[in-house]
Amino acid sequence: MAGVRRGAQAVLKYLAPIFVIAIIVQIFLAGEGIFGIKRVDSLDDAKTLDPHRGLGFFLTLPGALLLLIVALLAWHPDRRVRIVSIILPFDLFVQSVLANAGRWGGAFHPLNGVLLLGLFIWLTYLLWRAKDLVVEGGRATAVADG
C-alpha cells in the first residue's frame, strides 16, 4: 500500500498545477465568451460561452472524481494537504451546481472559482515545497535537501 500511496502523492503533485492552469484558462474563456456575446435573449443562448461550459464540465465532474480518488489514495501525511485535497473535489462539484443556480446562486460561481484557484495554488505550493515527508509517530516532517 505504501507504493500506491507514493504513486498517488506523485500524481497529486502534478494534478494540482494542472488544475491551476485549467482554472486560469476557464477565467479567460469566461471573459472571452461574455465579451463576445452578440444580441441574444439570455446567456443560455450564447454560443460564445460553450468553450467555458465544456471545459467546466470536465473539471467539475470527471476531474473532481479523479482528484478525489487520487487524494484518498495519497492520504497525504501532512494533515492540511490531506484535508484540502479531499475538500477541493467537493467544492469543484459545488461549482457546477452554482453555474446553474439562477441569478443569486450564480453570483457565487465566479467567487467560488477564485476561491478554487487560490486553494489549488496553495496546494501546489505545499506539494512542491516539501521535498520528502517522513512520518514519525503519526507526525509528518519535511526532510531538507543537503
N, C-alpha and C. Protein backbone atom coordinates (compact mmCIF):
# COMPACT_ATOMS: atom_id res chain seq x y z
N MET A 1 0.83 -1.20 0.00
CA MET A 1 0.00 0.00 0.00
C MET A 1 0.87 1.26 0.00
N ALA A 2 2.06 1.16 0.53
CA ALA A 2 2.95 2.33 0.57
C ALA A 2 3.33 2.79 -0.84
N GLY A 3 3.50 1.84 -1.75
CA GLY A 3 3.82 2.17 -3.14
C GLY A 3 2.67 2.89 -3.83
N VAL A 4 1.45 2.44 -3.57
CA VAL A 4 0.26 3.08 -4.14
C VAL A 4 0.16 4.51 -3.59
N ARG A 5 0.40 4.65 -2.30
CA ARG A 5 0.31 5.97 -1.67
C ARG A 5 1.35 6.93 -2.25
N ARG A 6 2.58 6.45 -2.42
CA ARG A 6 3.63 7.30 -3.00
C ARG A 6 3.29 7.67 -4.44
N GLY A 7 2.78 6.71 -5.20
CA GLY A 7 2.39 6.99 -6.58
C GLY A 7 1.26 8.00 -6.65
N ALA A 8 0.26 7.86 -5.78
CA ALA A 8 -0.87 8.80 -5.76
C ALA A 8 -0.41 10.19 -5.32
N GLN A 9 0.55 10.25 -4.39
CA GLN A 9 1.09 11.55 -3.98
C GLN A 9 1.83 12.22 -5.14
N ALA A 10 2.52 11.44 -5.95
CA ALA A 10 3.20 11.99 -7.12
C ALA A 10 2.18 12.49 -8.15
N VAL A 11 1.11 11.73 -8.35
CA VAL A 11 0.07 12.17 -9.28
C VAL A 11 -0.58 13.45 -8.77
N LEU A 12 -0.86 13.51 -7.48
CA LEU A 12 -1.46 14.71 -6.88
C LEU A 12 -0.55 15.92 -7.04
N LYS A 13 0.74 15.70 -6.93
CA LYS A 13 1.72 16.78 -7.07
C LYS A 13 1.67 17.40 -8.46
N TYR A 14 1.36 16.61 -9.48
CA TYR A 14 1.27 17.13 -10.85
C TYR A 14 -0.16 17.52 -11.23
N LEU A 15 -1.15 16.92 -10.58
CA LEU A 15 -2.54 17.22 -10.89
C LEU A 15 -2.95 18.61 -10.39
N ALA A 16 -2.45 19.00 -9.23
CA ALA A 16 -2.81 20.31 -8.67
C ALA A 16 -2.41 21.47 -9.59
N PRO A 17 -1.16 21.52 -10.10
CA PRO A 17 -0.84 22.63 -11.02
C PRO A 17 -1.60 22.56 -12.34
N ILE A 18 -2.00 21.37 -12.77
CA ILE A 18 -2.82 21.26 -13.98
C ILE A 18 -4.17 21.95 -13.74
N PHE A 19 -4.73 21.76 -12.54
CA PHE A 19 -5.98 22.44 -12.20
C PHE A 19 -5.77 23.95 -12.13
N VAL A 20 -4.63 24.42 -11.63
CA VAL A 20 -4.35 25.86 -11.60
C VAL A 20 -4.40 26.42 -13.01
N ILE A 21 -3.70 25.77 -13.92
CA ILE A 21 -3.67 26.24 -15.31
C ILE A 21 -5.07 26.17 -15.94
N ALA A 22 -5.78 25.09 -15.68
CA ALA A 22 -7.12 24.93 -16.26
C ALA A 22 -8.09 25.98 -15.73
N ILE A 23 -7.98 26.35 -14.46
CA ILE A 23 -8.87 27.37 -13.90
C ILE A 23 -8.54 28.73 -14.50
N ILE A 24 -7.26 29.01 -14.71
CA ILE A 24 -6.88 30.27 -15.37
C ILE A 24 -7.45 30.30 -16.79
N VAL A 25 -7.37 29.18 -17.49
CA VAL A 25 -7.96 29.10 -18.84
C VAL A 25 -9.47 29.30 -18.76
N GLN A 26 -10.11 28.74 -17.74
CA GLN A 26 -11.55 28.91 -17.54
C GLN A 26 -11.92 30.38 -17.39
N ILE A 27 -11.14 31.11 -16.59
CA ILE A 27 -11.40 32.54 -16.39
C ILE A 27 -11.27 33.27 -17.72
N PHE A 28 -10.25 32.94 -18.50
CA PHE A 28 -10.07 33.55 -19.83
C PHE A 28 -11.26 33.24 -20.73
N LEU A 29 -11.67 31.97 -20.76
CA LEU A 29 -12.78 31.57 -21.63
C LEU A 29 -14.09 32.24 -21.21
N ALA A 30 -14.29 32.43 -19.92
CA ALA A 30 -15.50 33.12 -19.45
C ALA A 30 -15.49 34.58 -19.92
N GLY A 31 -14.36 35.24 -19.76
CA GLY A 31 -14.25 36.63 -20.19
C GLY A 31 -14.43 36.76 -21.69
N GLU A 32 -13.77 35.90 -22.43
CA GLU A 32 -13.86 35.92 -23.89
C GLU A 32 -15.30 35.64 -24.33
N GLY A 33 -15.95 34.72 -23.65
CA GLY A 33 -17.33 34.37 -24.00
C GLY A 33 -18.30 35.49 -23.69
N ILE A 34 -18.14 36.12 -22.54
CA ILE A 34 -19.05 37.21 -22.15
C ILE A 34 -18.87 38.42 -23.06
N PHE A 35 -17.63 38.79 -23.33
CA PHE A 35 -17.40 39.97 -24.17
C PHE A 35 -17.62 39.67 -25.65
N GLY A 36 -17.78 38.41 -26.00
CA GLY A 36 -18.04 38.05 -27.38
C GLY A 36 -19.52 37.89 -27.70
N ILE A 37 -20.37 38.08 -26.70
CA ILE A 37 -21.81 37.90 -26.90
C ILE A 37 -22.36 38.99 -27.83
N LYS A 38 -23.13 38.55 -28.78
CA LYS A 38 -23.83 39.45 -29.70
C LYS A 38 -25.32 39.16 -29.63
N ARG A 39 -26.11 40.09 -29.32
CA ARG A 39 -27.58 40.04 -29.34
C ARG A 39 -28.19 38.65 -29.12
N VAL A 40 -28.29 38.26 -27.88
CA VAL A 40 -29.01 37.03 -27.53
C VAL A 40 -30.01 37.37 -26.43
N ASP A 41 -31.03 36.55 -26.31
CA ASP A 41 -32.05 36.81 -25.30
C ASP A 41 -31.58 36.46 -23.90
N SER A 42 -30.76 35.42 -23.78
CA SER A 42 -30.25 35.03 -22.47
C SER A 42 -28.85 34.43 -22.63
N LEU A 43 -28.14 34.34 -21.52
CA LEU A 43 -26.80 33.74 -21.55
C LEU A 43 -26.85 32.27 -21.94
N ASP A 44 -27.98 31.62 -21.68
CA ASP A 44 -28.10 30.21 -22.06
C ASP A 44 -28.02 30.03 -23.57
N ASP A 45 -28.40 31.08 -24.32
CA ASP A 45 -28.36 31.01 -25.79
C ASP A 45 -27.01 31.42 -26.36
N ALA A 46 -26.13 31.94 -25.53
CA ALA A 46 -24.84 32.45 -26.02
C ALA A 46 -23.90 31.30 -26.33
N LYS A 47 -23.64 31.08 -27.60
CA LYS A 47 -22.72 30.01 -28.01
C LYS A 47 -21.27 30.36 -27.69
N THR A 48 -20.99 31.64 -27.44
CA THR A 48 -19.61 32.05 -27.14
C THR A 48 -19.15 31.50 -25.79
N LEU A 49 -20.08 31.09 -24.93
CA LEU A 49 -19.71 30.52 -23.62
C LEU A 49 -19.55 29.00 -23.67
N ASP A 50 -19.77 28.39 -24.83
CA ASP A 50 -19.66 26.94 -24.94
C ASP A 50 -18.28 26.40 -24.56
N PRO A 51 -17.16 27.04 -24.96
CA PRO A 51 -15.85 26.51 -24.51
C PRO A 51 -15.69 26.54 -22.99
N HIS A 52 -16.20 27.61 -22.36
CA HIS A 52 -16.14 27.70 -20.89
C HIS A 52 -16.99 26.60 -20.25
N ARG A 53 -18.15 26.37 -20.80
CA ARG A 53 -19.03 25.32 -20.27
C ARG A 53 -18.42 23.93 -20.48
N GLY A 54 -17.83 23.72 -21.64
CA GLY A 54 -17.24 22.41 -21.95
C GLY A 54 -16.08 22.07 -21.03
N LEU A 55 -15.14 22.99 -20.90
CA LEU A 55 -14.00 22.75 -20.00
C LEU A 55 -14.48 22.64 -18.57
N GLY A 56 -15.47 23.46 -18.21
CA GLY A 56 -16.02 23.40 -16.85
C GLY A 56 -16.62 22.05 -16.53
N PHE A 57 -17.29 21.46 -17.51
CA PHE A 57 -17.86 20.12 -17.31
C PHE A 57 -16.76 19.12 -16.94
N PHE A 58 -15.67 19.13 -17.71
CA PHE A 58 -14.59 18.16 -17.45
C PHE A 58 -13.88 18.42 -16.14
N LEU A 59 -13.77 19.67 -15.75
CA LEU A 59 -13.11 19.98 -14.47
C LEU A 59 -13.98 19.61 -13.28
N THR A 60 -15.28 19.84 -13.38
CA THR A 60 -16.14 19.67 -12.21
C THR A 60 -16.72 18.28 -12.03
N LEU A 61 -16.78 17.50 -13.08
CA LEU A 61 -17.34 16.15 -12.89
C LEU A 61 -16.26 15.08 -12.98
N PRO A 62 -15.75 14.72 -14.16
CA PRO A 62 -14.70 13.69 -14.15
C PRO A 62 -13.42 14.16 -13.46
N GLY A 63 -13.10 15.46 -13.60
CA GLY A 63 -11.89 15.98 -12.96
C GLY A 63 -11.97 15.91 -11.45
N ALA A 64 -13.12 16.29 -10.91
CA ALA A 64 -13.32 16.25 -9.46
C ALA A 64 -13.29 14.81 -8.94
N LEU A 65 -13.89 13.90 -9.69
CA LEU A 65 -13.87 12.49 -9.28
C LEU A 65 -12.45 11.93 -9.28
N LEU A 66 -11.69 12.24 -10.33
CA LEU A 66 -10.29 11.81 -10.40
C LEU A 66 -9.48 12.38 -9.24
N LEU A 67 -9.68 13.67 -8.96
CA LEU A 67 -8.96 14.32 -7.87
C LEU A 67 -9.31 13.68 -6.53
N LEU A 68 -10.58 13.37 -6.32
CA LEU A 68 -10.99 12.73 -5.06
C LEU A 68 -10.35 11.36 -4.91
N ILE A 69 -10.36 10.56 -5.96
CA ILE A 69 -9.75 9.23 -5.89
C ILE A 69 -8.26 9.33 -5.59
N VAL A 70 -7.58 10.24 -6.28
CA VAL A 70 -6.13 10.40 -6.06
C VAL A 70 -5.86 10.90 -4.65
N ALA A 71 -6.65 11.86 -4.17
CA ALA A 71 -6.45 12.40 -2.82
C ALA A 71 -6.66 11.33 -1.75
N LEU A 72 -7.68 10.48 -1.94
CA LEU A 72 -7.92 9.42 -0.97
C LEU A 72 -6.83 8.36 -1.00
N LEU A 73 -6.36 8.02 -2.21
CA LEU A 73 -5.27 7.05 -2.31
C LEU A 73 -3.96 7.61 -1.75
N ALA A 74 -3.74 8.90 -1.97
CA ALA A 74 -2.49 9.52 -1.49
C ALA A 74 -2.49 9.62 0.03
N TRP A 75 -3.62 9.95 0.61
CA TRP A 75 -3.76 10.15 2.06
C TRP A 75 -2.50 10.80 2.60
N HIS A 76 -2.28 12.01 2.12
CA HIS A 76 -1.04 12.74 2.37
C HIS A 76 -0.73 12.83 3.86
N PRO A 77 0.54 12.65 4.25
CA PRO A 77 0.89 12.70 5.67
C PRO A 77 0.71 14.08 6.30
N ASP A 78 0.79 15.14 5.51
CA ASP A 78 0.55 16.48 6.03
C ASP A 78 -0.96 16.68 6.12
N ARG A 79 -1.45 16.90 7.33
CA ARG A 79 -2.88 16.96 7.57
C ARG A 79 -3.56 18.08 6.76
N ARG A 80 -2.93 19.24 6.66
CA ARG A 80 -3.51 20.35 5.89
C ARG A 80 -3.66 19.98 4.43
N VAL A 81 -2.64 19.37 3.86
CA VAL A 81 -2.70 18.95 2.45
C VAL A 81 -3.78 17.91 2.27
N ARG A 82 -3.86 16.96 3.20
CA ARG A 82 -4.86 15.89 3.10
C ARG A 82 -6.27 16.47 3.14
N ILE A 83 -6.55 17.38 4.07
CA ILE A 83 -7.89 17.95 4.21
C ILE A 83 -8.27 18.76 2.98
N VAL A 84 -7.37 19.64 2.53
CA VAL A 84 -7.67 20.48 1.37
C VAL A 84 -7.83 19.63 0.12
N SER A 85 -6.98 18.63 -0.06
CA SER A 85 -7.07 17.81 -1.27
C SER A 85 -8.34 16.97 -1.30
N ILE A 86 -8.93 16.69 -0.15
CA ILE A 86 -10.19 15.94 -0.11
C ILE A 86 -11.38 16.88 -0.24
N ILE A 87 -11.28 18.10 0.27
CA ILE A 87 -12.38 19.06 0.19
C ILE A 87 -12.51 19.65 -1.22
N LEU A 88 -11.39 19.87 -1.90
CA LEU A 88 -11.41 20.50 -3.23
C LEU A 88 -12.32 19.81 -4.25
N PRO A 89 -12.33 18.49 -4.35
CA PRO A 89 -13.24 17.87 -5.33
C PRO A 89 -14.71 18.17 -5.05
N PHE A 90 -15.08 18.25 -3.77
CA PHE A 90 -16.46 18.57 -3.44
C PHE A 90 -16.78 20.01 -3.80
N ASP A 91 -15.82 20.92 -3.58
CA ASP A 91 -16.01 22.31 -3.96
C ASP A 91 -16.08 22.46 -5.48
N LEU A 92 -15.32 21.64 -6.20
CA LEU A 92 -15.42 21.65 -7.66
C LEU A 92 -16.83 21.24 -8.12
N PHE A 93 -17.39 20.26 -7.45
CA PHE A 93 -18.76 19.83 -7.79
C PHE A 93 -19.75 20.95 -7.47
N VAL A 94 -19.56 21.62 -6.35
CA VAL A 94 -20.41 22.76 -5.98
C VAL A 94 -20.34 23.84 -7.06
N GLN A 95 -19.18 24.01 -7.67
CA GLN A 95 -19.01 25.00 -8.73
C GLN A 95 -19.96 24.73 -9.89
N SER A 96 -20.13 23.47 -10.24
CA SER A 96 -21.06 23.14 -11.34
C SER A 96 -22.51 23.40 -10.93
N VAL A 97 -22.82 23.20 -9.67
CA VAL A 97 -24.17 23.48 -9.17
C VAL A 97 -24.43 24.99 -9.20
N LEU A 98 -23.45 25.77 -8.77
CA LEU A 98 -23.59 27.22 -8.75
C LEU A 98 -23.78 27.80 -10.15
N ALA A 99 -23.19 27.17 -11.15
CA ALA A 99 -23.31 27.66 -12.52
C ALA A 99 -24.76 27.60 -13.01
N ASN A 100 -25.54 26.73 -12.43
CA ASN A 100 -26.93 26.56 -12.85
C ASN A 100 -27.92 26.96 -11.76
N ALA A 101 -27.49 27.77 -10.82
CA ALA A 101 -28.30 28.09 -9.65
C ALA A 101 -29.10 29.38 -9.78
N GLY A 102 -29.24 29.89 -10.99
CA GLY A 102 -30.01 31.12 -11.15
C GLY A 102 -29.18 32.35 -10.85
N ARG A 103 -29.88 33.47 -10.79
CA ARG A 103 -29.19 34.75 -10.64
C ARG A 103 -28.41 34.87 -9.33
N TRP A 104 -29.07 34.63 -8.21
CA TRP A 104 -28.40 34.85 -6.92
C TRP A 104 -27.43 33.73 -6.58
N GLY A 105 -27.78 32.52 -6.88
CA GLY A 105 -26.84 31.42 -6.65
C GLY A 105 -25.66 31.49 -7.60
N GLY A 106 -25.95 31.88 -8.85
CA GLY A 106 -24.91 32.02 -9.85
C GLY A 106 -23.91 33.12 -9.54
N ALA A 107 -24.33 34.08 -8.72
CA ALA A 107 -23.41 35.16 -8.34
C ALA A 107 -22.22 34.62 -7.55
N PHE A 108 -22.40 33.48 -6.92
CA PHE A 108 -21.30 32.86 -6.17
C PHE A 108 -20.37 32.03 -7.06
N HIS A 109 -20.78 31.77 -8.30
CA HIS A 109 -19.98 30.96 -9.22
C HIS A 109 -18.59 31.58 -9.47
N PRO A 110 -18.48 32.85 -9.83
CA PRO A 110 -17.13 33.41 -10.02
C PRO A 110 -16.36 33.53 -8.70
N LEU A 111 -17.05 33.83 -7.62
CA LEU A 111 -16.36 33.93 -6.32
C LEU A 111 -15.78 32.59 -5.91
N ASN A 112 -16.56 31.53 -6.10
CA ASN A 112 -16.07 30.20 -5.78
C ASN A 112 -14.92 29.80 -6.71
N GLY A 113 -14.98 30.26 -7.96
CA GLY A 113 -13.89 29.99 -8.90
C GLY A 113 -12.58 30.61 -8.42
N VAL A 114 -12.65 31.83 -7.90
CA VAL A 114 -11.45 32.49 -7.36
C VAL A 114 -10.96 31.74 -6.12
N LEU A 115 -11.89 31.30 -5.28
CA LEU A 115 -11.52 30.51 -4.10
C LEU A 115 -10.82 29.22 -4.52
N LEU A 116 -11.38 28.54 -5.52
CA LEU A 116 -10.77 27.31 -6.02
C LEU A 116 -9.37 27.57 -6.56
N LEU A 117 -9.20 28.64 -7.32
CA LEU A 117 -7.88 28.98 -7.85
C LEU A 117 -6.89 29.20 -6.72
N GLY A 118 -7.29 29.95 -5.71
CA GLY A 118 -6.40 30.20 -4.57
C GLY A 118 -6.04 28.92 -3.82
N LEU A 119 -7.01 28.05 -3.60
CA LEU A 119 -6.73 26.80 -2.89
C LEU A 119 -5.83 25.88 -3.70
N PHE A 120 -6.04 25.83 -5.01
CA PHE A 120 -5.17 24.99 -5.85
C PHE A 120 -3.75 25.56 -5.91
N ILE A 121 -3.61 26.88 -5.93
CA ILE A 121 -2.27 27.48 -5.90
C ILE A 121 -1.59 27.15 -4.59
N TRP A 122 -2.33 27.26 -3.49
CA TRP A 122 -1.78 26.96 -2.17
C TRP A 122 -1.40 25.48 -2.07
N LEU A 123 -2.26 24.61 -2.57
CA LEU A 123 -1.98 23.17 -2.54
C LEU A 123 -0.75 22.85 -3.38
N THR A 124 -0.65 23.46 -4.56
CA THR A 124 0.52 23.25 -5.42
C THR A 124 1.78 23.70 -4.71
N TYR A 125 1.72 24.84 -4.05
CA TYR A 125 2.88 25.34 -3.31
C TYR A 125 3.31 24.36 -2.22
N LEU A 126 2.36 23.86 -1.45
CA LEU A 126 2.69 22.93 -0.38
C LEU A 126 3.25 21.61 -0.91
N LEU A 127 2.66 21.12 -1.99
CA LEU A 127 3.12 19.84 -2.55
C LEU A 127 4.51 19.94 -3.15
N TRP A 128 4.84 21.06 -3.76
CA TRP A 128 6.15 21.21 -4.38
C TRP A 128 7.21 21.72 -3.41
N ARG A 129 6.79 22.32 -2.29
CA ARG A 129 7.74 22.83 -1.31
C ARG A 129 8.38 21.69 -0.53
N ALA A 130 7.59 20.76 -0.10
CA ALA A 130 8.10 19.64 0.68
C ALA A 130 8.75 18.64 -0.25
N LYS A 131 10.04 18.47 -0.12
CA LYS A 131 10.77 17.53 -0.98
C LYS A 131 10.39 16.09 -0.63
N ASP A 132 10.63 15.72 0.59
CA ASP A 132 10.28 14.39 1.07
C ASP A 132 9.65 14.54 2.44
N LEU A 133 8.63 13.73 2.69
CA LEU A 133 8.00 13.75 4.00
C LEU A 133 8.28 12.43 4.70
N VAL A 134 8.66 12.55 5.96
CA VAL A 134 8.93 11.37 6.76
C VAL A 134 7.89 11.34 7.87
N VAL A 135 7.23 10.21 8.03
CA VAL A 135 6.21 10.09 9.06
C VAL A 135 6.84 9.40 10.26
N GLU A 136 6.86 10.13 11.38
CA GLU A 136 7.41 9.59 12.62
C GLU A 136 6.36 9.81 13.72
N GLY A 137 5.89 8.73 14.28
CA GLY A 137 4.93 8.83 15.37
C GLY A 137 3.63 9.53 14.97
N GLY A 138 3.20 9.37 13.72
CA GLY A 138 1.97 9.97 13.27
C GLY A 138 2.10 11.41 12.83
N ARG A 139 3.30 11.99 12.91
CA ARG A 139 3.50 13.38 12.52
C ARG A 139 4.41 13.44 11.29
N ALA A 140 3.99 14.21 10.32
CA ALA A 140 4.78 14.36 9.09
C ALA A 140 5.76 15.52 9.25
N THR A 141 7.01 15.27 8.88
CA THR A 141 8.01 16.33 8.90
C THR A 141 8.73 16.34 7.55
N ALA A 142 9.06 17.53 7.11
CA ALA A 142 9.76 17.67 5.82
C ALA A 142 11.23 17.44 6.03
N VAL A 143 11.83 16.74 5.08
CA VAL A 143 13.27 16.50 5.11
C VAL A 143 13.92 17.51 4.20
N ALA A 144 14.85 18.29 4.74
CA ALA A 144 15.52 19.32 3.96
C ALA A 144 16.57 18.70 3.05
N ASP A 145 16.79 19.37 1.91
CA ASP A 145 17.85 18.92 1.00
C ASP A 145 19.21 19.23 1.60
N GLY A 146 20.17 18.39 1.28
CA GLY A 146 21.55 18.65 1.67
C GLY A 146 21.92 17.92 2.84
